[in-house]
Amino acid sequence: MYVNEILNAVIPKFMDELPLTVLPHVWFQQDRSPAHHTRVVKQWLNNEFPEKWIGLHGPVEFPPRSPDLTPMNFYLWGRLRTDVYLPHPLNTAEL
């Protein structure tokens, strides 16, 4: 599913839009989602991005909790956690 709906459907369209001078410098990065490290996905990545992909058990291992590679982990989730645990408003004026 992930290979057909994302990798085969989206990535080639994206790559077609890139200038030819950029293509040799493109790397593919995945996080540690279980869907991202199946045998079929790894085969696809090895064919399309040989030695140029970052992921679990890939040529370059994905560094866990790396803020420069996962900006959502660096900023978004902490911000959402702060907002969720704010004290509840006591009246409409505080709302």
PDB file of N, CA and C in Angstrom:
ATOM      1  N   MET A   1       0.826  -1.191   0.000  1.00  0.00           N
ATOM      2  CA  MET A   1       0.000   0.000   0.000  1.00  0.00           C
ATOM      3  C   MET A   1       0.876   1.262   0.000  1.00  0.00           C
ATOM      4  N   TYR A   2       1.817   1.339   0.926  1.00  0.00           N
ATOM      5  CA  TYR A   2       2.688   2.512   1.011  1.00  0.00           C
ATOM      6  C   TYR A   2       3.515   2.663  -0.266  1.00  0.00           C
ATOM      7  N   VAL A   3       4.011   1.547  -0.780  1.00  0.00           N
ATOM      8  CA  VAL A   3       4.817   1.607  -2.006  1.00  0.00           C
ATOM      9  C   VAL A   3       3.968   2.096  -3.171  1.00  0.00           C
ATOM     10  N   ASN A   4       2.784   1.535  -3.344  1.00  0.00           N
ATOM     11  CA  ASN A   4       1.945   1.904  -4.490  1.00  0.00           C
ATOM     12  C   ASN A   4       1.339   3.291  -4.369  1.00  0.00           C
ATOM     13  N   GLU A   5       0.811   3.623  -3.196  1.00  0.00           N
ATOM     14  CA  GLU A   5       0.077   4.881  -3.046  1.00  0.00           C
ATOM     15  C   GLU A   5       0.966   6.093  -2.803  1.00  0.00           C
ATOM     16  N   ILE A   6       2.112   5.890  -2.233  1.00  0.00           N
ATOM     17  CA  ILE A   6       2.998   7.028  -1.942  1.00  0.00           C
ATOM     18  C   ILE A   6       4.250   6.986  -2.817  1.00  0.00           C
ATOM     19  N   LEU A   7       5.026   5.951  -2.645  1.00  0.00           N
ATOM     20  CA  LEU A   7       6.317   5.925  -3.332  1.00  0.00           C
ATOM     21  C   LEU A   7       6.167   5.901  -4.849  1.00  0.00           C
ATOM     22  N   ASN A   8       5.346   5.012  -5.379  1.00  0.00           N
ATOM     23  CA  ASN A   8       5.184   4.930  -6.835  1.00  0.00           C
ATOM     24  C   ASN A   8       4.330   6.052  -7.405  1.00  0.00           C
ATOM     25  N   ALA A   9       3.405   6.574  -6.615  1.00  0.00           N
ATOM     26  CA  ALA A   9       2.480   7.586  -7.132  1.00  0.00           C
ATOM     27  C   ALA A   9       2.991   9.011  -6.953  1.00  0.00           C
ATOM     28  N   VAL A  10       3.627   9.299  -5.848  1.00  0.00           N
ATOM     29  CA  VAL A  10       3.981  10.682  -5.514  1.00  0.00           C
ATOM     30  C   VAL A  10       5.443  11.017  -5.827  1.00  0.00           C
ATOM     31  N   ILE A  11       6.347  10.163  -5.439  1.00  0.00           N
ATOM     32  CA  ILE A  11       7.771  10.473  -5.553  1.00  0.00           C
ATOM     33  C   ILE A  11       8.202  10.722  -6.999  1.00  0.00           C
ATOM     34  N   PRO A  12       7.801   9.894  -7.974  1.00  0.00           N
ATOM     35  CA  PRO A  12       8.220  10.183  -9.358  1.00  0.00           C
ATOM     36  C   PRO A  12       7.733  11.546  -9.862  1.00  0.00           C
ATOM     37  N   LYS A  13       6.524  11.929  -9.496  1.00  0.00           N
ATOM     38  CA  LYS A  13       6.010  13.246  -9.910  1.00  0.00           C
ATOM     39  C   LYS A  13       6.851  14.361  -9.296  1.00  0.00           C
ATOM     40  N   PHE A  14       7.192  14.195  -8.044  1.00  0.00           N
ATOM     41  CA  PHE A  14       8.027  15.178  -7.365  1.00  0.00           C
ATOM     42  C   PHE A  14       9.406  15.263  -8.024  1.00  0.00           C
ATOM     43  N   MET A  15       9.990  14.119  -8.296  1.00  0.00           N
ATOM     44  CA  MET A  15      11.327  14.088  -8.897  1.00  0.00           C
ATOM     45  C   MET A  15      11.326  14.695 -10.299  1.00  0.00           C
ATOM     46  N   ASP A  16      10.239  14.508 -11.034  1.00  0.00           N
ATOM     47  CA  ASP A  16      10.140  15.077 -12.386  1.00  0.00           C
ATOM     48  C   ASP A  16      10.154  16.601 -12.373  1.00  0.00           C
ATOM     49  N   GLU A  17       9.747  17.196 -11.271  1.00  0.00           N
ATOM     50  CA  GLU A  17       9.695  18.654 -11.154  1.00  0.00           C
ATOM     51  C   GLU A  17      11.045  19.266 -10.775  1.00  0.00           C
ATOM     52  N   LEU A  18      11.970  18.449 -10.338  1.00  0.00           N
ATOM     53  CA  LEU A  18      13.266  18.971  -9.898  1.00  0.00           C
ATOM     54  C   LEU A  18      14.181  19.240 -11.088  1.00  0.00           C
ATOM     55  N   PRO A  19      14.995  20.281 -10.988  1.00  0.00           N
ATOM     56  CA  PRO A  19      15.981  20.525 -12.050  1.00  0.00           C
ATOM     57  C   PRO A  19      16.992  19.375 -12.121  1.00  0.00           C
ATOM     58  N   LEU A  20      17.470  19.096 -13.298  1.00  0.00           N
ATOM     59  CA  LEU A  20      18.431  18.003 -13.485  1.00  0.00           C
ATOM     60  C   LEU A  20      19.693  18.187 -12.649  1.00  0.00           C
ATOM     61  N   THR A  21      20.059  19.431 -12.395  1.00  0.00           N
ATOM     62  CA  THR A  21      21.268  19.686 -11.601  1.00  0.00           C
ATOM     63  C   THR A  21      21.081  19.307 -10.133  1.00  0.00           C
ATOM     64  N   VAL A  22      19.840  19.231  -9.686  1.00  0.00           N
ATOM     65  CA  VAL A  22      19.548  18.910  -8.287  1.00  0.00           C
ATOM     66  C   VAL A  22      19.475  17.400  -8.061  1.00  0.00           C
ATOM     67  N   LEU A  23      19.018  16.656  -9.042  1.00  0.00           N
ATOM     68  CA  LEU A  23      18.764  15.220  -8.882  1.00  0.00           C
ATOM     69  C   LEU A  23      19.927  14.428  -8.276  1.00  0.00           C
ATOM     70  N   PRO A  24      21.178  14.683  -8.650  1.00  0.00           N
ATOM     71  CA  PRO A  24      22.263  13.898  -8.039  1.00  0.00           C
ATOM     72  C   PRO A  24      22.433  14.150  -6.539  1.00  0.00           C
ATOM     73  N   HIS A  25      21.833  15.207  -6.035  1.00  0.00           N
ATOM     74  CA  HIS A  25      22.001  15.567  -4.626  1.00  0.00           C
ATOM     75  C   HIS A  25      20.795  15.198  -3.767  1.00  0.00           C
ATOM     76  N   VAL A  26      19.793  14.569  -4.359  1.00  0.00           N
ATOM     77  CA  VAL A  26      18.562  14.239  -3.636  1.00  0.00           C
ATOM     78  C   VAL A  26      18.765  12.985  -2.795  1.00  0.00           C
ATOM     79  N   TRP A  27      18.343  13.087  -1.551  1.00  0.00           N
ATOM     80  CA  TRP A  27      18.311  11.956  -0.630  1.00  0.00           C
ATOM     81  C   TRP A  27      16.865  11.737  -0.222  1.00  0.00           C
ATOM     82  N   PHE A  28      16.525  10.512   0.110  1.00  0.00           N
ATOM     83  CA  PHE A  28      15.183  10.195   0.579  1.00  0.00           C
ATOM     84  C   PHE A  28      15.277   9.863   2.056  1.00  0.00           C
ATOM     85  N   GLN A  29      14.392  10.450   2.852  1.00  0.00           N
ATOM     86  CA  GLN A  29      14.422  10.243   4.296  1.00  0.00           C
ATOM     87  C   GLN A  29      13.090   9.716   4.783  1.00  0.00           C
ATOM     88  N   GLN A  30      13.151   8.719   5.646  1.00  0.00           N
ATOM     89  CA  GLN A  30      11.952   8.175   6.278  1.00  0.00           C
ATOM     90  C   GLN A  30      12.175   8.123   7.777  1.00  0.00           C
ATOM     91  N   ASP A  31      11.061   8.106   8.507  1.00  0.00           N
ATOM     92  CA  ASP A  31      11.169   7.941   9.950  1.00  0.00           C
ATOM     93  C   ASP A  31      11.071   6.457  10.294  1.00  0.00           C
ATOM     94  N   ARG A  32      10.800   6.154  11.539  1.00  0.00           N
ATOM     95  CA  ARG A  32      10.794   4.765  11.996  1.00  0.00           C
ATOM     96  C   ARG A  32       9.406   4.122  11.959  1.00  0.00           C
ATOM     97  N   SER A  33       8.506   4.645  11.179  1.00  0.00           N
ATOM     98  CA  SER A  33       7.181   4.038  11.053  1.00  0.00           C
ATOM     99  C   SER A  33       7.319   2.614  10.518  1.00  0.00           C
ATOM    100  N   PRO A  34       6.571   1.658  11.082  1.00  0.00           N
ATOM    101  CA  PRO A  34       6.673   0.276  10.595  1.00  0.00           C
ATOM    102  C   PRO A  34       6.422   0.137   9.092  1.00  0.00           C
ATOM    103  N   ALA A  35       5.544   0.941   8.531  1.00  0.00           N
ATOM    104  CA  ALA A  35       5.266   0.871   7.091  1.00  0.00           C
ATOM    105  C   ALA A  35       6.475   1.276   6.260  1.00  0.00           C
ATOM    106  N   HIS A  36       7.401   1.990   6.849  1.00  0.00           N
ATOM    107  CA  HIS A  36       8.553   2.507   6.112  1.00  0.00           C
ATOM    108  C   HIS A  36       9.730   1.548   6.054  1.00  0.00           C
ATOM    109  N   HIS A  37       9.676   0.453   6.780  1.00  0.00           N
ATOM    110  CA  HIS A  37      10.851  -0.425   6.748  1.00  0.00           C
ATOM    111  C   HIS A  37      10.499  -1.891   6.476  1.00  0.00           C
ATOM    112  N   THR A  38       9.569  -2.086   5.557  1.00  0.00           N
ATOM    113  CA  THR A  38       9.306  -3.440   5.081  1.00  0.00           C
ATOM    114  C   THR A  38      10.322  -3.801   3.998  1.00  0.00           C
ATOM    115  N   ARG A  39      10.409  -5.078   3.687  1.00  0.00           N
ATOM    116  CA  ARG A  39      11.347  -5.537   2.664  1.00  0.00           C
ATOM    117  C   ARG A  39      11.045  -4.894   1.311  1.00  0.00           C
ATOM    118  N   VAL A  40       9.759  -4.788   0.972  1.00  0.00           N
ATOM    119  CA  VAL A  40       9.361  -4.208  -0.318  1.00  0.00           C
ATOM    120  C   VAL A  40       9.771  -2.738  -0.402  1.00  0.00           C
ATOM    121  N   VAL A  41       9.585  -2.003   0.679  1.00  0.00           N
ATOM    122  CA  VAL A  41       9.964  -0.583   0.700  1.00  0.00           C
ATOM    123  C   VAL A  41      11.474  -0.443   0.560  1.00  0.00           C
ATOM    124  N   LYS A  42      12.219  -1.254   1.279  1.00  0.00           N
ATOM    125  CA  LYS A  42      13.683  -1.184   1.188  1.00  0.00           C
ATOM    126  C   LYS A  42      14.170  -1.510  -0.220  1.00  0.00           C
ATOM    127  N   GLN A  43      13.546  -2.492  -0.858  1.00  0.00           N
ATOM    128  CA  GLN A  43      13.919  -2.820  -2.236  1.00  0.00           C
ATOM    129  C   GLN A  43      13.649  -1.632  -3.158  1.00  0.00           C
ATOM    130  N   TRP A  44      12.492  -0.992  -2.975  1.00  0.00           N
ATOM    131  CA  TRP A  44      12.142   0.164  -3.802  1.00  0.00           C
ATOM    132  C   TRP A  44      13.168   1.276  -3.600  1.00  0.00           C
ATOM    133  N   LEU A  45      13.481   1.559  -2.351  1.00  0.00           N
ATOM    134  CA  LEU A  45      14.440   2.625  -2.052  1.00  0.00           C
ATOM    135  C   LEU A  45      15.826   2.300  -2.595  1.00  0.00           C
ATOM    136  N   ASN A  46      16.238   1.056  -2.471  1.00  0.00           N
ATOM    137  CA  ASN A  46      17.549   0.669  -3.007  1.00  0.00           C
ATOM    138  C   ASN A  46      17.603   0.807  -4.524  1.00  0.00           C
ATOM    139  N   ASN A  47      16.480   0.596  -5.195  1.00  0.00           N
ATOM    140  CA  ASN A  47      16.432   0.765  -6.656  1.00  0.00           C
ATOM    141  C   ASN A  47      16.387   2.233  -7.064  1.00  0.00           C
ATOM    142  N   GLU A  48      15.577   3.011  -6.372  1.00  0.00           N
ATOM    143  CA  GLU A  48      15.346   4.407  -6.760  1.00  0.00           C
ATOM    144  C   GLU A  48      16.375   5.380  -6.178  1.00  0.00           C
ATOM    145  N   PHE A  49      16.865   5.092  -4.985  1.00  0.00           N
ATOM    146  CA  PHE A  49      17.827   5.965  -4.293  1.00  0.00           C
ATOM    147  C   PHE A  49      18.988   5.119  -3.760  1.00  0.00           C
ATOM    148  N   PRO A  50      19.752   4.472  -4.636  1.00  0.00           N
ATOM    149  CA  PRO A  50      20.812   3.584  -4.155  1.00  0.00           C
ATOM    150  C   PRO A  50      21.823   4.327  -3.281  1.00  0.00           C
ATOM    151  N   GLU A  51      21.956   3.809  -2.061  1.00  0.00           N
ATOM    152  CA  GLU A  51      22.889   4.374  -1.072  1.00  0.00           C
ATOM    153  C   GLU A  51      22.582   5.823  -0.711  1.00  0.00           C
ATOM    154  N   LYS A  52      21.400   6.303  -1.061  1.00  0.00           N
ATOM    155  CA  LYS A  52      21.060   7.707  -0.784  1.00  0.00           C
ATOM    156  C   LYS A  52      19.695   7.805  -0.119  1.00  0.00           C
ATOM    157  N   TRP A  53      19.457   6.961   0.889  1.00  0.00           N
ATOM    158  CA  TRP A  53      18.231   7.086   1.665  1.00  0.00           C
ATOM    159  C   TRP A  53      18.538   6.874   3.135  1.00  0.00           C
ATOM    160  N   ILE A  54      17.771   7.574   3.945  1.00  0.00           N
ATOM    161  CA  ILE A  54      17.942   7.562   5.392  1.00  0.00           C
ATOM    162  C   ILE A  54      16.722   6.874   5.982  1.00  0.00           C
ATOM    163  N   GLY A  55      16.947   5.832   6.751  1.00  0.00           N
ATOM    164  CA  GLY A  55      15.835   5.115   7.360  1.00  0.00           C
ATOM    165  C   GLY A  55      16.328   3.944   8.178  1.00  0.00           C
ATOM    166  N   LEU A  56      15.408   3.312   8.873  1.00  0.00           N
ATOM    167  CA  LEU A  56      15.728   2.170   9.713  1.00  0.00           C
ATOM    168  C   LEU A  56      16.333   1.056   8.861  1.00  0.00           C
ATOM    169  N   HIS A  57      17.509   0.598   9.224  1.00  0.00           N
ATOM    170  CA  HIS A  57      18.251  -0.447   8.513  1.00  0.00           C
ATOM    171  C   HIS A  57      18.575  -0.054   7.073  1.00  0.00           C
ATOM    172  N   GLY A  58      18.712   1.229   6.832  1.00  0.00           N
ATOM    173  CA  GLY A  58      19.077   1.707   5.501  1.00  0.00           C
ATOM    174  C   GLY A  58      20.562   1.989   5.424  1.00  0.00           C
ATOM    175  N   PRO A  59      21.017   2.508   4.295  1.00  0.00           N
ATOM    176  CA  PRO A  59      22.438   2.844   4.161  1.00  0.00           C
ATOM    177  C   PRO A  59      22.875   3.898   5.174  1.00  0.00           C
ATOM    178  N   VAL A  60      21.967   4.801   5.515  1.00  0.00           N
ATOM    179  CA  VAL A  60      22.214   5.781   6.580  1.00  0.00           C
ATOM    180  C   VAL A  60      21.078   5.617   7.578  1.00  0.00           C
ATOM    181  N   GLU A  61      21.420   5.247   8.799  1.00  0.00           N
ATOM    182  CA  GLU A  61      20.418   4.990   9.834  1.00  0.00           C
ATOM    183  C   GLU A  61      19.739   6.285  10.251  1.00  0.00           C
ATOM    184  N   PHE A  62      18.429   6.229  10.461  1.00  0.00           N
ATOM    185  CA  PHE A  62      17.682   7.403  10.903  1.00  0.00           C
ATOM    186  C   PHE A  62      18.007   7.663  12.365  1.00  0.00           C
ATOM    187  N   PRO A  63      18.532   8.848  12.708  1.00  0.00           N
ATOM    188  CA  PRO A  63      18.848   9.138  14.106  1.00  0.00           C
ATOM    189  C   PRO A  63      17.573   9.444  14.895  1.00  0.00           C
ATOM    190  N   PRO A  64      17.250   8.651  15.905  1.00  0.00           N
ATOM    191  CA  PRO A  64      16.027   8.896  16.665  1.00  0.00           C
ATOM    192  C   PRO A  64      16.075  10.225  17.405  1.00  0.00           C
ATOM    193  N   ARG A  65      14.952  10.889  17.433  1.00  0.00           N
ATOM    194  CA  ARG A  65      14.764  12.162  18.154  1.00  0.00           C
ATOM    195  C   ARG A  65      15.731  13.248  17.699  1.00  0.00           C
ATOM    196  N   SER A  66      16.077  13.238  16.449  1.00  0.00           N
ATOM    197  CA  SER A  66      16.971  14.258  15.926  1.00  0.00           C
ATOM    198  C   SER A  66      16.162  15.486  15.522  1.00  0.00           C
ATOM    199  N   PRO A  67      16.296  16.620  16.233  1.00  0.00           N
ATOM    200  CA  PRO A  67      15.460  17.784  15.930  1.00  0.00           C
ATOM    201  C   PRO A  67      15.701  18.377  14.550  1.00  0.00           C
ATOM    202  N   ASP A  68      16.883  18.201  14.003  1.00  0.00           N
ATOM    203  CA  ASP A  68      17.121  18.761  12.677  1.00  0.00           C
ATOM    204  C   ASP A  68      16.478  17.917  11.583  1.00  0.00           C
ATOM    205  N   LEU A  69      16.204  16.651  11.855  1.00  0.00           N
ATOM    206  CA  LEU A  69      15.555  15.793  10.869  1.00  0.00           C
ATOM    207  C   LEU A  69      14.061  15.637  11.119  1.00  0.00           C
ATOM    208  N   THR A  70      13.623  15.916  12.327  1.00  0.00           N
ATOM    209  CA  THR A  70      12.205  15.785  12.644  1.00  0.00           C
ATOM    210  C   THR A  70      11.710  17.063  13.309  1.00  0.00           C
ATOM    211  N   PRO A  71      11.464  18.114  12.543  1.00  0.00           N
ATOM    212  CA  PRO A  71      11.054  19.380  13.133  1.00  0.00           C
ATOM    213  C   PRO A  71       9.753  19.282  13.914  1.00  0.00           C
ATOM    214  N   MET A  72       8.867  18.344  13.538  1.00  0.00           N
ATOM    215  CA  MET A  72       7.630  18.211  14.310  1.00  0.00           C
ATOM    216  C   MET A  72       7.942  17.757  15.727  1.00  0.00           C
ATOM    217  N   ASN A  73       8.905  16.857  15.891  1.00  0.00           N
ATOM    218  CA  ASN A  73       9.285  16.425  17.229  1.00  0.00           C
ATOM    219  C   ASN A  73       9.973  17.548  17.991  1.00  0.00           C
ATOM    220  N   PHE A  74      10.667  18.397  17.281  1.00  0.00           N
ATOM    221  CA  PHE A  74      11.406  19.478  17.914  1.00  0.00           C
ATOM    222  C   PHE A  74      10.487  20.582  18.417  1.00  0.00           C
ATOM    223  N   TYR A  75       9.434  20.894  17.658  1.00  0.00           N
ATOM    224  CA  TYR A  75       8.593  22.031  18.014  1.00  0.00           C
ATOM    225  C   TYR A  75       7.130  21.665  18.232  1.00  0.00           C
ATOM    226  N   LEU A  76       6.511  21.064  17.234  1.00  0.00           N
ATOM    227  CA  LEU A  76       5.055  20.936  17.216  1.00  0.00           C
ATOM    228  C   LEU A  76       4.496  20.159  18.396  1.00  0.00           C
ATOM    229  N   TRP A  77       5.035  18.974  18.678  1.00  0.00           N
ATOM    230  CA  TRP A  77       4.439  18.154  19.723  1.00  0.00           C
ATOM    231  C   TRP A  77       4.591  18.806  21.095  1.00  0.00           C
ATOM    232  N   GLY A  78       5.687  19.453  21.359  1.00  0.00           N
ATOM    233  CA  GLY A  78       5.835  20.164  22.626  1.00  0.00           C
ATOM    234  C   GLY A  78       4.849  21.311  22.750  1.00  0.00           C
ATOM    235  N   ARG A  79       4.659  22.037  21.660  1.00  0.00           N
ATOM    236  CA  ARG A  79       3.699  23.144  21.662  1.00  0.00           C
ATOM    237  C   ARG A  79       2.278  22.634  21.885  1.00  0.00           C
ATOM    238  N   LEU A  80       1.906  21.576  21.186  1.00  0.00           N
ATOM    239  CA  LEU A  80       0.567  21.010  21.364  1.00  0.00           C
ATOM    240  C   LEU A  80       0.368  20.502  22.786  1.00  0.00           C
ATOM    241  N   ARG A  81       1.373  19.851  23.341  1.00  0.00           N
ATOM    242  CA  ARG A  81       1.279  19.356  24.711  1.00  0.00           C
ATOM    243  C   ARG A  81       1.065  20.523  25.673  1.00  0.00           C
ATOM    244  N   THR A  82       1.773  21.615  25.466  1.00  0.00           N
ATOM    245  CA  THR A  82       1.603  22.801  26.304  1.00  0.00           C
ATOM    246  C   THR A  82       0.180  23.332  26.205  1.00  0.00           C
ATOM    247  N   ASP A  83      -0.332  23.436  24.988  1.00  0.00           N
ATOM    248  CA  ASP A  83      -1.684  23.962  24.792  1.00  0.00           C
ATOM    249  C   ASP A  83      -2.749  23.042  25.374  1.00  0.00           C
ATOM    250  N   VAL A  84      -2.562  21.741  25.242  1.00  0.00           N
ATOM    251  CA  VAL A  84      -3.562  20.786  25.734  1.00  0.00           C
ATOM    252  C   VAL A  84      -3.654  20.835  27.254  1.00  0.00           C
ATOM    253  N   TYR A  85      -2.540  21.011  27.922  1.00  0.00           N
ATOM    254  CA  TYR A  85      -2.540  20.968  29.376  1.00  0.00           C
ATOM    255  C   TYR A  85      -2.652  22.339  30.038  1.00  0.00           C
ATOM    256  N   LEU A  86      -3.031  23.355  29.272  1.00  0.00           N
ATOM    257  CA  LEU A  86      -3.304  24.660  29.877  1.00  0.00           C
ATOM    258  C   LEU A  86      -4.496  24.538  30.812  1.00  0.00           C
ATOM    259  N   PRO A  87      -4.550  25.349  31.860  1.00  0.00           N
ATOM    260  CA  PRO A  87      -5.735  25.304  32.732  1.00  0.00           C
ATOM    261  C   PRO A  87      -6.998  25.628  31.929  1.00  0.00           C
ATOM    262  N   HIS A  88      -8.070  24.929  32.253  1.00  0.00           N
ATOM    263  CA  HIS A  88      -9.340  25.162  31.566  1.00  0.00           C
ATOM    264  C   HIS A  88      -9.894  26.535  31.938  1.00  0.00           C
ATOM    265  N   PRO A  89     -10.491  27.234  30.979  1.00  0.00           N
ATOM    266  CA  PRO A  89     -11.104  28.528  31.300  1.00  0.00           C
ATOM    267  C   PRO A  89     -12.274  28.328  32.271  1.00  0.00           C
ATOM    268  N   LEU A  90     -12.398  29.263  33.208  1.00  0.00           N
ATOM    269  CA  LEU A  90     -13.454  29.153  34.216  1.00  0.00           C
ATOM    270  C   LEU A  90     -14.723  29.882  33.810  1.00  0.00           C
ATOM    271  N   ASN A  91     -14.606  30.807  32.855  1.00  0.00           N
ATOM    272  CA  ASN A  91     -15.786  31.553  32.422  1.00  0.00           C
ATOM    273  C   ASN A  91     -15.600  31.967  30.964  1.00  0.00           C
ATOM    274  N   THR A  92     -16.600  32.621  30.388  1.00  0.00           N
ATOM    275  CA  THR A  92     -16.530  33.006  28.974  1.00  0.00           C
ATOM    276  C   THR A  92     -15.478  34.082  28.735  1.00  0.00           C
ATOM    277  N   ALA A  93     -15.208  34.923  29.708  1.00  0.00           N
ATOM    278  CA  ALA A  93     -14.190  35.961  29.537  1.00  0.00           C
ATOM    279  C   ALA A  93     -12.801  35.326  29.372  1.00  0.00           C
ATOM    280  N   GLU A  94     -12.510  34.264  30.121  1.00  0.00           N
ATOM    281  CA  GLU A  94     -11.225  33.578  30.004  1.00  0.00           C
ATOM    282  C   GLU A  94     -11.137  32.758  28.717  1.00  0.00           C
ATOM    283  N   LEU A  95     -12.293  32.373  28.220  1.00  0.00           N
ATOM    284  CA  LEU A  95     -12.316  31.582  26.991  1.00  0.00           C
ATOM    285  C   LEU A  95     -11.899  32.439  25.825  1.00  0.00           C
TER     286      LEU A  95
END
